PDB file of N, CA and C in Angstrom:
ATOM      1  N   UNK A   1      39.679 -71.229 -26.741  1.00  0.00           N
ATOM      2  CA  UNK A   1      38.430 -70.756 -26.173  1.00  0.00           C
ATOM      3  C   UNK A   1      37.378 -70.569 -27.267  1.00  0.00           C
ATOM      4  N   UNK A   2      37.808 -70.101 -28.444  1.00  0.00           N
ATOM      5  CA  UNK A   2      36.873 -69.908 -29.549  1.00  0.00           C
ATOM      6  C   UNK A   2      36.281 -71.241 -29.995  1.00  0.00           C
ATOM      7  N   UNK A   3      37.087 -72.304 -29.958  1.00  0.00           N
ATOM      8  CA  UNK A   3      36.588 -73.621 -30.349  1.00  0.00           C
ATOM      9  C   UNK A   3      35.532 -74.111 -29.368  1.00  0.00           C
ATOM     10  N   UNK A   4      35.748 -73.844 -28.093  1.00  0.00           N
ATOM     11  CA  UNK A   4      34.780 -74.244 -27.072  1.00  0.00           C
ATOM     12  C   UNK A   4      33.467 -73.509 -27.289  1.00  0.00           C
ATOM     13  N   UNK A   5      33.526 -72.225 -27.560  1.00  0.00           N
ATOM     14  CA  UNK A   5      32.321 -71.435 -27.814  1.00  0.00           C
ATOM     15  C   UNK A   5      31.598 -71.932 -29.068  1.00  0.00           C
ATOM     16  N   UNK A   6      32.353 -72.271 -30.105  1.00  0.00           N
ATOM     17  CA  UNK A   6      31.752 -72.768 -31.338  1.00  0.00           C
ATOM     18  C   UNK A   6      31.034 -74.087 -31.095  1.00  0.00           C
ATOM     19  N   UNK A   7      31.646 -74.973 -30.335  1.00  0.00           N
ATOM     20  CA  UNK A   7      31.031 -76.259 -30.015  1.00  0.00           C
ATOM     21  C   UNK A   7      29.756 -76.044 -29.197  1.00  0.00           C
ATOM     22  N   UNK A   8      29.789 -75.135 -28.252  1.00  0.00           N
ATOM     23  CA  UNK A   8      28.605 -74.825 -27.432  1.00  0.00           C
ATOM     24  C   UNK A   8      27.476 -74.280 -28.288  1.00  0.00           C
ATOM     25  N   UNK A   9      27.800 -73.390 -29.211  1.00  0.00           N
ATOM     26  CA  UNK A   9      26.777 -72.813 -30.091  1.00  0.00           C
ATOM     27  C   UNK A   9      26.142 -73.892 -30.962  1.00  0.00           C
ATOM     28  N   UNK A  10      26.954 -74.792 -31.503  1.00  0.00           N
ATOM     29  CA  UNK A  10      26.433 -75.876 -32.329  1.00  0.00           C
ATOM     30  C   UNK A  10      25.534 -76.782 -31.496  1.00  0.00           C
ATOM     31  N   UNK A  11      25.928 -77.074 -30.272  1.00  0.00           N
ATOM     32  CA  UNK A  11      25.122 -77.932 -29.387  1.00  0.00           C
ATOM     33  C   UNK A  11      23.783 -77.291 -29.076  1.00  0.00           C
ATOM     34  N   UNK A  12      23.768 -75.994 -28.818  1.00  0.00           N
ATOM     35  CA  UNK A  12      22.515 -75.294 -28.517  1.00  0.00           C
ATOM     36  C   UNK A  12      21.619 -75.282 -29.743  1.00  0.00           C
ATOM     37  N   UNK A  13      22.181 -74.981 -30.918  1.00  0.00           N
ATOM     38  CA  UNK A  13      21.388 -74.943 -32.137  1.00  0.00           C
ATOM     39  C   UNK A  13      20.846 -76.315 -32.495  1.00  0.00           C
ATOM     40  N   UNK A  14      21.608 -77.366 -32.251  1.00  0.00           N
ATOM     41  CA  UNK A  14      21.138 -78.727 -32.519  1.00  0.00           C
ATOM     42  C   UNK A  14      19.960 -79.061 -31.622  1.00  0.00           C
ATOM     43  N   UNK A  15      19.928 -78.529 -30.433  1.00  0.00           N
ATOM     44  CA  UNK A  15      18.828 -78.760 -29.511  1.00  0.00           C
ATOM     45  C   UNK A  15      17.559 -78.055 -29.931  1.00  0.00           C
ATOM     46  N   UNK A  16      17.653 -77.142 -30.888  1.00  0.00           N
ATOM     47  CA  UNK A  16      16.499 -76.352 -31.315  1.00  0.00           C
ATOM     48  C   UNK A  16      15.639 -77.072 -32.349  1.00  0.00           C
ATOM     49  N   UNK A  17      16.177 -78.088 -32.998  1.00  0.00           N
ATOM     50  CA  UNK A  17      15.437 -78.822 -34.025  1.00  0.00           C
ATOM     51  C   UNK A  17      14.601 -79.921 -33.384  1.00  0.00           C
ATOM     52  N   UNK A  18      13.481 -80.242 -34.026  1.00  0.00           N
ATOM     53  CA  UNK A  18      12.636 -81.334 -33.545  1.00  0.00           C
ATOM     54  C   UNK A  18      13.333 -82.671 -33.764  1.00  0.00           C
ATOM     55  N   UNK A  19      13.053 -83.637 -32.884  1.00  0.00           N
ATOM     56  CA  UNK A  19      13.557 -84.996 -33.091  1.00  0.00           C
ATOM     57  C   UNK A  19      13.139 -85.455 -34.482  1.00  0.00           C
ATOM     58  N   UNK A  20      14.031 -86.106 -35.226  1.00  0.00           N
ATOM     59  CA  UNK A  20      13.657 -86.564 -36.568  1.00  0.00           C
ATOM     60  C   UNK A  20      12.745 -87.785 -36.499  1.00  0.00           C
ATOM     61  N   UNK A  21      11.978 -87.979 -37.547  1.00  0.00           N
ATOM     62  CA  UNK A  21      11.113 -89.138 -37.677  1.00  0.00           C
ATOM     63  C   UNK A  21      11.905 -90.234 -38.381  1.00  0.00           C
ATOM     64  N   UNK A  22      12.046 -91.391 -37.743  1.00  0.00           N
ATOM     65  CA  UNK A  22      12.805 -92.504 -38.313  1.00  0.00           C
ATOM     66  C   UNK A  22      12.034 -93.157 -39.458  1.00  0.00           C
ATOM     67  N   UNK A  23      12.769 -93.843 -40.318  1.00  0.00           N
ATOM     68  CA  UNK A  23      12.159 -94.547 -41.441  1.00  0.00           C
ATOM     69  C   UNK A  23      11.156 -95.574 -40.903  1.00  0.00           C
ATOM     70  N   UNK A  24       9.975 -95.588 -41.463  1.00  0.00           N
ATOM     71  CA  UNK A  24       8.914 -96.498 -41.038  1.00  0.00           C
ATOM     72  C   UNK A  24       7.954 -95.873 -40.039  1.00  0.00           C
ATOM     73  N   UNK A  25       8.424 -94.905 -39.271  1.00  0.00           N
ATOM     74  CA  UNK A  25       7.577 -94.275 -38.255  1.00  0.00           C
ATOM     75  C   UNK A  25       6.525 -93.357 -38.865  1.00  0.00           C
ATOM     76  N   UNK A  26       6.701 -92.982 -40.131  1.00  0.00           N
ATOM     77  CA  UNK A  26       5.711 -92.112 -40.777  1.00  0.00           C
ATOM     78  C   UNK A  26       4.376 -92.840 -40.956  1.00  0.00           C
ATOM     79  N   UNK A  27       4.386 -94.171 -40.875  1.00  0.00           N
ATOM     80  CA  UNK A  27       3.157 -94.956 -41.017  1.00  0.00           C
ATOM     81  C   UNK A  27       2.379 -95.077 -39.701  1.00  0.00           C
ATOM     82  N   UNK A  28       2.968 -94.641 -38.608  1.00  0.00           N
ATOM     83  CA  UNK A  28       2.301 -94.730 -37.303  1.00  0.00           C
ATOM     84  C   UNK A  28       1.299 -93.585 -37.175  1.00  0.00           C
ATOM     85  N   UNK A  29       0.049 -93.958 -36.908  1.00  0.00           N
ATOM     86  CA  UNK A  29      -1.025 -92.977 -36.742  1.00  0.00           C
ATOM     87  C   UNK A  29      -1.186 -92.635 -35.263  1.00  0.00           C
ATOM     88  N   UNK A  30      -1.430 -91.378 -34.983  1.00  0.00           N
ATOM     89  CA  UNK A  30      -1.697 -90.923 -33.622  1.00  0.00           C
ATOM     90  C   UNK A  30      -3.209 -90.947 -33.404  1.00  0.00           C
ATOM     91  N   UNK A  31      -3.641 -91.629 -32.360  1.00  0.00           N
ATOM     92  CA  UNK A  31      -5.061 -91.739 -32.020  1.00  0.00           C
ATOM     93  C   UNK A  31      -5.306 -91.063 -30.668  1.00  0.00           C
ATOM     94  N   UNK A  32      -6.514 -90.554 -30.488  1.00  0.00           N
ATOM     95  CA  UNK A  32      -6.838 -89.893 -29.224  1.00  0.00           C
ATOM     96  C   UNK A  32      -8.052 -90.490 -28.527  1.00  0.00           C
ATOM     97  N   UNK A  33      -8.776 -91.398 -29.198  1.00  0.00           N
ATOM     98  CA  UNK A  33      -9.971 -91.998 -28.607  1.00  0.00           C
ATOM     99  C   UNK A  33      -9.810 -93.515 -28.524  1.00  0.00           C
ATOM    100  N   UNK A  34     -10.188 -94.081 -27.403  1.00  0.00           N
ATOM    101  CA  UNK A  34     -10.067 -95.520 -27.173  1.00  0.00           C
ATOM    102  C   UNK A  34     -10.792 -96.324 -28.246  1.00  0.00           C
ATOM    103  N   UNK A  35     -11.928 -95.826 -28.726  1.00  0.00           N
ATOM    104  CA  UNK A  35     -12.697 -96.564 -29.735  1.00  0.00           C
ATOM    105  C   UNK A  35     -11.913 -96.743 -31.037  1.00  0.00           C
ATOM    106  N   UNK A  36     -10.935 -95.882 -31.292  1.00  0.00           N
ATOM    107  CA  UNK A  36     -10.143 -95.974 -32.528  1.00  0.00           C
ATOM    108  C   UNK A  36      -9.217 -97.184 -32.527  1.00  0.00           C
ATOM    109  N   UNK A  37      -8.899 -97.720 -31.359  1.00  0.00           N
ATOM    110  CA  UNK A  37      -7.984 -98.874 -31.274  1.00  0.00           C
ATOM    111  C   UNK A  37      -8.684-100.108 -30.697  1.00  0.00           C
ATOM    112  N   UNK A  38     -10.002-100.076 -30.697  1.00  0.00           N
ATOM    113  CA  UNK A  38     -10.789-101.160 -30.088  1.00  0.00           C
ATOM    114  C   UNK A  38     -10.487-102.527 -30.709  1.00  0.00           C
ATOM    115  N   UNK A  39     -10.282-102.585 -32.015  1.00  0.00           N
ATOM    116  CA  UNK A  39     -10.040-103.861 -32.706  1.00  0.00           C
ATOM    117  C   UNK A  39      -8.553-104.089 -32.984  1.00  0.00           C
ATOM    118  N   UNK A  40      -7.702-103.373 -32.293  1.00  0.00           N
ATOM    119  CA  UNK A  40      -6.256-103.474 -32.504  1.00  0.00           C
ATOM    120  C   UNK A  40      -5.610-104.309 -31.399  1.00  0.00           C
ATOM    121  N   UNK A  41      -4.397-104.748 -31.647  1.00  0.00           N
ATOM    122  CA  UNK A  41      -3.652-105.543 -30.684  1.00  0.00           C
ATOM    123  C   UNK A  41      -2.618-104.656 -29.988  1.00  0.00           C
ATOM    124  N   UNK A  42      -2.687-104.631 -28.667  1.00  0.00           N
ATOM    125  CA  UNK A  42      -1.737-103.845 -27.860  1.00  0.00           C
ATOM    126  C   UNK A  42      -0.354-104.474 -27.944  1.00  0.00           C
ATOM    127  N   UNK A  43       0.679-103.635 -28.184  1.00  0.00           N
ATOM    128  CA  UNK A  43       2.053-104.162 -28.255  1.00  0.00           C
ATOM    129  C   UNK A  43       2.994-103.567 -27.219  1.00  0.00           C
ATOM    130  N   UNK A  44       2.610-102.486 -26.560  1.00  0.00           N
ATOM    131  CA  UNK A  44       3.479-101.946 -25.514  1.00  0.00           C
ATOM    132  C   UNK A  44       3.234-100.474 -25.223  1.00  0.00           C
ATOM    133  N   UNK A  45       3.812-100.043 -24.120  1.00  0.00           N
ATOM    134  CA  UNK A  45       3.749 -98.629 -23.737  1.00  0.00           C
ATOM    135  C   UNK A  45       4.841 -97.860 -24.469  1.00  0.00           C
ATOM    136  N   UNK A  46       4.547 -96.625 -24.824  1.00  0.00           N
ATOM    137  CA  UNK A  46       5.517 -95.795 -25.549  1.00  0.00           C
ATOM    138  C   UNK A  46       5.571 -94.397 -24.939  1.00  0.00           C
ATOM    139  N   UNK A  47       6.692 -93.754 -25.168  1.00  0.00           N
ATOM    140  CA  UNK A  47       6.924 -92.418 -24.637  1.00  0.00           C
ATOM    141  C   UNK A  47       7.696 -91.611 -25.670  1.00  0.00           C
ATOM    142  N   UNK A  48       7.341 -90.358 -25.804  1.00  0.00           N
ATOM    143  CA  UNK A  48       8.075 -89.451 -26.678  1.00  0.00           C
ATOM    144  C   UNK A  48       8.312 -88.143 -25.954  1.00  0.00           C
ATOM    145  N   UNK A  49       9.538 -87.652 -26.016  1.00  0.00           N
ATOM    146  CA  UNK A  49       9.872 -86.433 -25.291  1.00  0.00           C
ATOM    147  C   UNK A  49      10.851 -85.594 -26.102  1.00  0.00           C
ATOM    148  N   UNK A  50      10.758 -84.291 -25.934  1.00  0.00           N
ATOM    149  CA  UNK A  50      11.684 -83.357 -26.581  1.00  0.00           C
ATOM    150  C   UNK A  50      11.952 -82.218 -25.623  1.00  0.00           C
ATOM    151  N   UNK A  51      13.221 -81.866 -25.474  1.00  0.00           N
ATOM    152  CA  UNK A  51      13.616 -80.716 -24.672  1.00  0.00           C
ATOM    153  C   UNK A  51      14.087 -81.091 -23.285  1.00  0.00           C
ATOM    154  N   UNK A  52      14.851 -80.176 -22.706  1.00  0.00           N
ATOM    155  CA  UNK A  52      15.324 -80.300 -21.331  1.00  0.00           C
ATOM    156  C   UNK A  52      15.570 -78.894 -20.806  1.00  0.00           C
ATOM    157  N   UNK A  53      16.050 -78.788 -19.584  1.00  0.00           N
ATOM    158  CA  UNK A  53      16.197 -77.458 -18.981  1.00  0.00           C
ATOM    159  C   UNK A  53      17.196 -76.583 -19.724  1.00  0.00           C
ATOM    160  N   UNK A  54      18.090 -77.172 -20.504  1.00  0.00           N
ATOM    161  CA  UNK A  54      19.077 -76.377 -21.240  1.00  0.00           C
ATOM    162  C   UNK A  54      18.602 -76.073 -22.661  1.00  0.00           C
ATOM    163  N   UNK A  55      18.302 -77.117 -23.432  1.00  0.00           N
ATOM    164  CA  UNK A  55      17.938 -76.901 -24.835  1.00  0.00           C
ATOM    165  C   UNK A  55      16.497 -76.429 -25.008  1.00  0.00           C
ATOM    166  N   UNK A  56      15.610 -76.794 -24.086  1.00  0.00           N
ATOM    167  CA  UNK A  56      14.201 -76.453 -24.221  1.00  0.00           C
ATOM    168  C   UNK A  56      13.934 -74.965 -24.285  1.00  0.00           C
ATOM    169  N   UNK A  57      14.725 -74.196 -23.574  1.00  0.00           N
ATOM    170  CA  UNK A  57      14.553 -72.746 -23.564  1.00  0.00           C
ATOM    171  C   UNK A  57      14.825 -72.148 -24.943  1.00  0.00           C
ATOM    172  N   UNK A  58      15.703 -72.791 -25.721  1.00  0.00           N
ATOM    173  CA  UNK A  58      16.090 -72.274 -27.029  1.00  0.00           C
ATOM    174  C   UNK A  58      15.331 -72.942 -28.171  1.00  0.00           C
ATOM    175  N   UNK A  59      14.381 -73.804 -27.839  1.00  0.00           N
ATOM    176  CA  UNK A  59      13.631 -74.540 -28.852  1.00  0.00           C
ATOM    177  C   UNK A  59      12.211 -73.993 -28.933  1.00  0.00           C
ATOM    178  N   UNK A  60      11.755 -73.749 -30.145  1.00  0.00           N
ATOM    179  CA  UNK A  60      10.392 -73.250 -30.350  1.00  0.00           C
ATOM    180  C   UNK A  60       9.390 -74.271 -29.821  1.00  0.00           C
ATOM    181  N   UNK A  61       8.285 -73.793 -29.267  1.00  0.00           N
ATOM    182  CA  UNK A  61       7.256 -74.686 -28.735  1.00  0.00           C
ATOM    183  C   UNK A  61       6.789 -75.692 -29.777  1.00  0.00           C
ATOM    184  N   UNK A  62       6.636 -75.259 -31.024  1.00  0.00           N
ATOM    185  CA  UNK A  62       6.182 -76.178 -32.074  1.00  0.00           C
ATOM    186  C   UNK A  62       7.193 -77.297 -32.300  1.00  0.00           C
ATOM    187  N   UNK A  63       8.499 -77.005 -32.176  1.00  0.00           N
ATOM    188  CA  UNK A  63       9.510 -78.048 -32.316  1.00  0.00           C
ATOM    189  C   UNK A  63       9.521 -78.987 -31.115  1.00  0.00           C
ATOM    190  N   UNK A  64       9.215 -78.463 -29.929  1.00  0.00           N
ATOM    191  CA  UNK A  64       9.100 -79.329 -28.758  1.00  0.00           C
ATOM    192  C   UNK A  64       7.952 -80.318 -28.943  1.00  0.00           C
ATOM    193  N   UNK A  65       6.805 -79.832 -29.405  1.00  0.00           N
ATOM    194  CA  UNK A  65       5.644 -80.696 -29.613  1.00  0.00           C
ATOM    195  C   UNK A  65       5.858 -81.672 -30.758  1.00  0.00           C
ATOM    196  N   UNK A  66       6.394 -81.177 -31.878  1.00  0.00           N
ATOM    197  CA  UNK A  66       6.654 -82.042 -33.023  1.00  0.00           C
ATOM    198  C   UNK A  66       7.711 -83.088 -32.677  1.00  0.00           C
ATOM    199  N   UNK A  67       8.737 -82.689 -31.944  1.00  0.00           N
ATOM    200  CA  UNK A  67       9.787 -83.631 -31.543  1.00  0.00           C
ATOM    201  C   UNK A  67       9.258 -84.725 -30.639  1.00  0.00           C
ATOM    202  N   UNK A  68       8.370 -84.374 -29.703  1.00  0.00           N
ATOM    203  CA  UNK A  68       7.766 -85.385 -28.824  1.00  0.00           C
ATOM    204  C   UNK A  68       6.883 -86.326 -29.638  1.00  0.00           C
ATOM    205  N   UNK A  69       6.148 -85.767 -30.591  1.00  0.00           N
ATOM    206  CA  UNK A  69       5.287 -86.586 -31.460  1.00  0.00           C
ATOM    207  C   UNK A  69       6.123 -87.536 -32.311  1.00  0.00           C
ATOM    208  N   UNK A  70       7.197 -87.027 -32.901  1.00  0.00           N
ATOM    209  CA  UNK A  70       8.076 -87.887 -33.696  1.00  0.00           C
ATOM    210  C   UNK A  70       8.705 -88.980 -32.840  1.00  0.00           C
ATOM    211  N   UNK A  71       9.111 -88.635 -31.626  1.00  0.00           N
ATOM    212  CA  UNK A  71       9.754 -89.606 -30.739  1.00  0.00           C
ATOM    213  C   UNK A  71       8.801 -90.725 -30.338  1.00  0.00           C
ATOM    214  N   UNK A  72       7.531 -90.397 -30.069  1.00  0.00           N
ATOM    215  CA  UNK A  72       6.579 -91.453 -29.684  1.00  0.00           C
ATOM    216  C   UNK A  72       6.252 -92.344 -30.885  1.00  0.00           C
ATOM    217  N   UNK A  73       6.200 -91.752 -32.082  1.00  0.00           N
ATOM    218  CA  UNK A  73       5.981 -92.548 -33.292  1.00  0.00           C
ATOM    219  C   UNK A  73       7.180 -93.448 -33.573  1.00  0.00           C
ATOM    220  N   UNK A  74       8.401 -92.950 -33.342  1.00  0.00           N
ATOM    221  CA  UNK A  74       9.606 -93.764 -33.509  1.00  0.00           C
ATOM    222  C   UNK A  74       9.591 -94.953 -32.549  1.00  0.00           C
ATOM    223  N   UNK A  75       9.203 -94.694 -31.296  1.00  0.00           N
ATOM    224  CA  UNK A  75       9.153 -95.746 -30.284  1.00  0.00           C
ATOM    225  C   UNK A  75       8.121 -96.805 -30.665  1.00  0.00           C
ATOM    226  N   UNK A  76       6.960 -96.376 -31.149  1.00  0.00           N
ATOM    227  CA  UNK A  76       5.915 -97.308 -31.565  1.00  0.00           C
ATOM    228  C   UNK A  76       6.359 -98.142 -32.764  1.00  0.00           C
ATOM    229  N   UNK A  77       6.984 -97.512 -33.738  1.00  0.00           N
ATOM    230  CA  UNK A  77       7.463 -98.231 -34.921  1.00  0.00           C
ATOM    231  C   UNK A  77       8.507 -99.277 -34.536  1.00  0.00           C
ATOM    232  N   UNK A  78       9.346 -98.951 -33.571  1.00  0.00           N
ATOM    233  CA  UNK A  78      10.361 -99.887 -33.089  1.00  0.00           C
ATOM    234  C   UNK A  78       9.710-101.158 -32.536  1.00  0.00           C
ATOM    235  N   UNK A  79       8.500-101.020 -31.972  1.00  0.00           N
ATOM    236  CA  UNK A  79       7.761-102.164 -31.430  1.00  0.00           C
ATOM    237  C   UNK A  79       6.924-102.888 -32.493  1.00  0.00           C
ATOM    238  N   UNK A  80       6.922-102.376 -33.722  1.00  0.00           N
ATOM    239  CA  UNK A  80       6.131-102.971 -34.789  1.00  0.00           C
ATOM    240  C   UNK A  80       4.693-102.476 -34.822  1.00  0.00           C
ATOM    241  N   UNK A  81       4.398-101.417 -34.114  1.00  0.00           N
ATOM    242  CA  UNK A  81       3.043-100.861 -34.061  1.00  0.00           C
ATOM    243  C   UNK A  81       2.809 -99.911 -35.232  1.00  0.00           C
ATOM    244  N   UNK A  82       1.518 -99.705 -35.539  1.00  0.00           N
ATOM    245  CA  UNK A  82       1.177 -98.723 -36.562  1.00  0.00           C
ATOM    246  C   UNK A  82       0.176 -97.691 -36.044  1.00  0.00           C
ATOM    247  N   UNK A  83      -0.062 -97.713 -34.720  1.00  0.00           N
ATOM    248  CA  UNK A  83      -0.955 -96.739 -34.102  1.00  0.00           C
ATOM    249  C   UNK A  83      -0.520 -96.483 -32.663  1.00  0.00           C
ATOM    250  N   UNK A  84      -0.740 -95.258 -32.208  1.00  0.00           N
ATOM    251  CA  UNK A  84      -0.462 -94.891 -30.822  1.00  0.00           C
ATOM    252  C   UNK A  84      -1.692 -94.194 -30.261  1.00  0.00           C
ATOM    253  N   UNK A  85      -2.158 -94.690 -29.126  1.00  0.00           N
ATOM    254  CA  UNK A  85      -3.224 -94.023 -28.397  1.00  0.00           C
ATOM    255  C   UNK A  85      -2.558 -93.150 -27.344  1.00  0.00           C
ATOM    256  N   UNK A  86      -2.593 -91.835 -27.554  1.00  0.00           N
ATOM    257  CA  UNK A  86      -1.966 -90.905 -26.610  1.00  0.00           C
ATOM    258  C   UNK A  86      -2.855 -90.808 -25.381  1.00  0.00           C
ATOM    259  N   UNK A  87      -2.264 -91.076 -24.220  1.00  0.00           N
ATOM    260  CA  UNK A  87      -3.010 -91.049 -22.968  1.00  0.00           C
ATOM    261  C   UNK A  87      -2.723 -89.819 -22.130  1.00  0.00           C
ATOM    262  N   UNK A  88      -1.528 -89.269 -22.298  1.00  0.00           N
ATOM    263  CA  UNK A  88      -1.164 -88.114 -21.483  1.00  0.00           C
ATOM    264  C   UNK A  88      -0.170 -87.241 -22.243  1.00  0.00           C
ATOM    265  N   UNK A  89      -0.355 -85.939 -22.110  1.00  0.00           N
ATOM    266  CA  UNK A  89       0.599 -84.967 -22.646  1.00  0.00           C
ATOM    267  C   UNK A  89       0.988 -84.044 -21.506  1.00  0.00           C
ATOM    268  N   UNK A  90       2.281 -83.842 -21.373  1.00  0.00           N
ATOM    269  CA  UNK A  90       2.768 -82.978 -20.299  1.00  0.00           C
ATOM    270  C   UNK A  90       3.775 -81.994 -20.879  1.00  0.00           C
ATOM    271  N   UNK A  91       3.616 -80.723 -20.531  1.00  0.00           N
ATOM    272  CA  UNK A  91       4.557 -79.683 -20.921  1.00  0.00           C
ATOM    273  C   UNK A  91       5.147 -79.102 -19.644  1.00  0.00           C
ATOM    274  N   UNK A  92       6.467 -79.139 -19.542  1.00  0.00           N
ATOM    275  CA  UNK A  92       7.144 -78.600 -18.366  1.00  0.00           C
ATOM    276  C   UNK A  92       7.646 -77.202 -18.661  1.00  0.00           C
ATOM    277  N   UNK A  93       7.552 -76.339 -17.678  1.00  0.00           N
ATOM    278  CA  UNK A  93       8.010 -74.960 -17.811  1.00  0.00           C
ATOM    279  C   UNK A  93       9.417 -74.814 -17.250  1.00  0.00           C
ATOM    280  N   UNK A  94      10.201 -73.942 -17.862  1.00  0.00           N
ATOM    281  CA  UNK A  94      11.537 -73.628 -17.341  1.00  0.00           C
ATOM    282  C   UNK A  94      11.371 -72.700 -16.156  1.00  0.00           C
ATOM    283  N   UNK A  95      12.025 -73.014 -15.051  1.00  0.00           N
ATOM    284  CA  UNK A  95      11.831 -72.247 -13.818  1.00  0.00           C
ATOM    285  C   UNK A  95      12.312 -70.808 -13.896  1.00  0.00           C
ATOM    286  N   UNK A  96      13.253 -70.501 -14.744  1.00  0.00           N
ATOM    287  CA  UNK A  96      13.760 -69.131 -14.842  1.00  0.00           C
ATOM    288  C   UNK A  96      13.062 -68.308 -15.913  1.00  0.00           C
ATOM    289  N   UNK A  97      12.912 -68.878 -17.102  1.00  0.00           N
ATOM    290  CA  UNK A  97      12.319 -68.116 -18.198  1.00  0.00           C
ATOM    291  C   UNK A  97      10.796 -68.189 -18.206  1.00  0.00           C
ATOM    292  N   UNK A  98      10.239 -69.226 -17.593  1.00  0.00           N
ATOM    293  CA  UNK A  98       8.790 -69.388 -17.608  1.00  0.00           C
ATOM    294  C   UNK A  98       8.267 -69.999 -18.888  1.00  0.00           C
ATOM    295  N   UNK A  99       9.120 -70.180 -19.892  1.00  0.00           N
ATOM    296  CA  UNK A  99       8.708 -70.775 -21.154  1.00  0.00           C
ATOM    297  C   UNK A  99       8.712 -72.291 -21.081  1.00  0.00           C
ATOM    298  N   UNK A 100       8.112 -72.910 -22.083  1.00  0.00           N
ATOM    299  CA  UNK A 100       8.090 -74.364 -22.145  1.00  0.00           C
ATOM    300  C   UNK A 100       9.500 -74.881 -22.373  1.00  0.00           C
ATOM    301  N   UNK A 101       9.901 -75.869 -21.574  1.00  0.00           N
ATOM    302  CA  UNK A 101      11.246 -76.439 -21.682  1.00  0.00           C
ATOM    303  C   UNK A 101      11.214 -77.877 -22.159  1.00  0.00           C
ATOM    304  N   UNK A 102      10.053 -78.559 -22.000  1.00  0.00           N
ATOM    305  CA  UNK A 102       9.967 -79.968 -22.363  1.00  0.00           C
ATOM    306  C   UNK A 102       8.523 -80.312 -22.678  1.00  0.00           C
ATOM    307  N   UNK A 103       8.344 -81.142 -23.710  1.00  0.00           N
ATOM    308  CA  UNK A 103       7.039 -81.714 -24.029  1.00  0.00           C
ATOM    309  C   UNK A 103       7.183 -83.223 -24.029  1.00  0.00           C
ATOM    310  N   UNK A 104       6.245 -83.896 -23.381  1.00  0.00           N
ATOM    311  CA  UNK A 104       6.280 -85.356 -23.280  1.00  0.00           C
ATOM    312  C   UNK A 104       4.905 -85.919 -23.604  1.00  0.00           C
ATOM    313  N   UNK A 105       4.894 -86.990 -24.398  1.00  0.00           N
ATOM    314  CA  UNK A 105       3.676 -87.726 -24.711  1.00  0.00           C
ATOM    315  C   UNK A 105       3.831 -89.145 -24.187  1.00  0.00           C
ATOM    316  N   UNK A 106       2.795 -89.663 -23.546  1.00  0.00           N
ATOM    317  CA  UNK A 106       2.792 -91.028 -23.037  1.00  0.00           C
ATOM    318  C   UNK A 106       1.602 -91.733 -23.664  1.00  0.00           C
ATOM    319  N   UNK A 107       1.816 -92.956 -24.134  1.00  0.00           N
ATOM    320  CA  UNK A 107       0.713 -93.658 -24.764  1.00  0.00           C
ATOM    321  C   UNK A 107       0.911 -95.152 -24.836  1.00  0.00           C
ATOM    322  N   UNK A 108      -0.009 -95.788 -25.527  1.00  0.00           N
ATOM    323  CA  UNK A 108       0.014 -97.222 -25.747  1.00  0.00           C
ATOM    324  C   UNK A 108       0.094 -97.464 -27.246  1.00  0.00           C
ATOM    325  N   UNK A 109       0.987 -98.375 -27.649  1.00  0.00           N
ATOM    326  CA  UNK A 109       1.186 -98.700 -29.056  1.00  0.00           C
ATOM    327  C   UNK A 109       0.340 -99.912 -29.434  1.00  0.00           C
ATOM    328  N   UNK A 110      -0.227 -99.857 -30.638  1.00  0.00           N
ATOM    329  CA  UNK A 110      -1.102-100.920 -31.130  1.00  0.00           C
ATOM    330  C   UNK A 110      -0.744-101.282 -32.563  1.00  0.00           C
ATOM    331  N   UNK A 111      -1.053-102.530 -32.910  1.00  0.00           N
ATOM    332  CA  UNK A 111      -0.964-102.983 -34.294  1.00  0.00           C
ATOM    333  C   UNK A 111      -2.411-103.154 -34.764  1.00  0.00           C
ATOM    334  N   UNK A 112      -2.776-102.386 -35.758  1.00  0.00           N
ATOM    335  CA  UNK A 112      -4.154-102.375 -36.245  1.00  0.00           C
ATOM    336  C   UNK A 112      -4.221-102.885 -37.686  1.00  0.00           C
ATOM    337  N   UNK A 113      -5.333-103.538 -38.025  1.00  0.00           N
ATOM    338  CA  UNK A 113      -5.565-103.981 -39.402  1.00  0.00           C
ATOM    339  C   UNK A 113      -4.573-105.008 -39.871  1.00  0.00           C
ATOM    340  N   UNK A 114      -4.352-104.995 -41.142  1.00  0.00           N
ATOM    341  CA  UNK A 114      -3.388-105.853 -41.839  1.00  0.00           C
ATOM    342  C   UNK A 114      -3.724-107.263 -41.545  1.00  0.00           C
TER     343      UNK A 114
END
């Protein structure tokens, strides 16, 4: 029983950290205005999300937001993009605690310059 509790504690604590930024994704710029990607080539839709009804309650809001940001940059880098135009941000609340349980970013990935 102690091993089960230890595994559960590790799983909850792991859910508290922000999604890591993959190698190469640090070069992806987050854009918020359409004019910033006007001369760029669209490469695909991207999504970044952090948290769920279980781990989100135990994760700091800043880690939920940073994790969603890292995830969308990872997705864009996977497509060969170097910019993301964020079109929508959604934060879901946990029905019992009332706190933020999930942060999601939706956007379009672009290859700019070069």
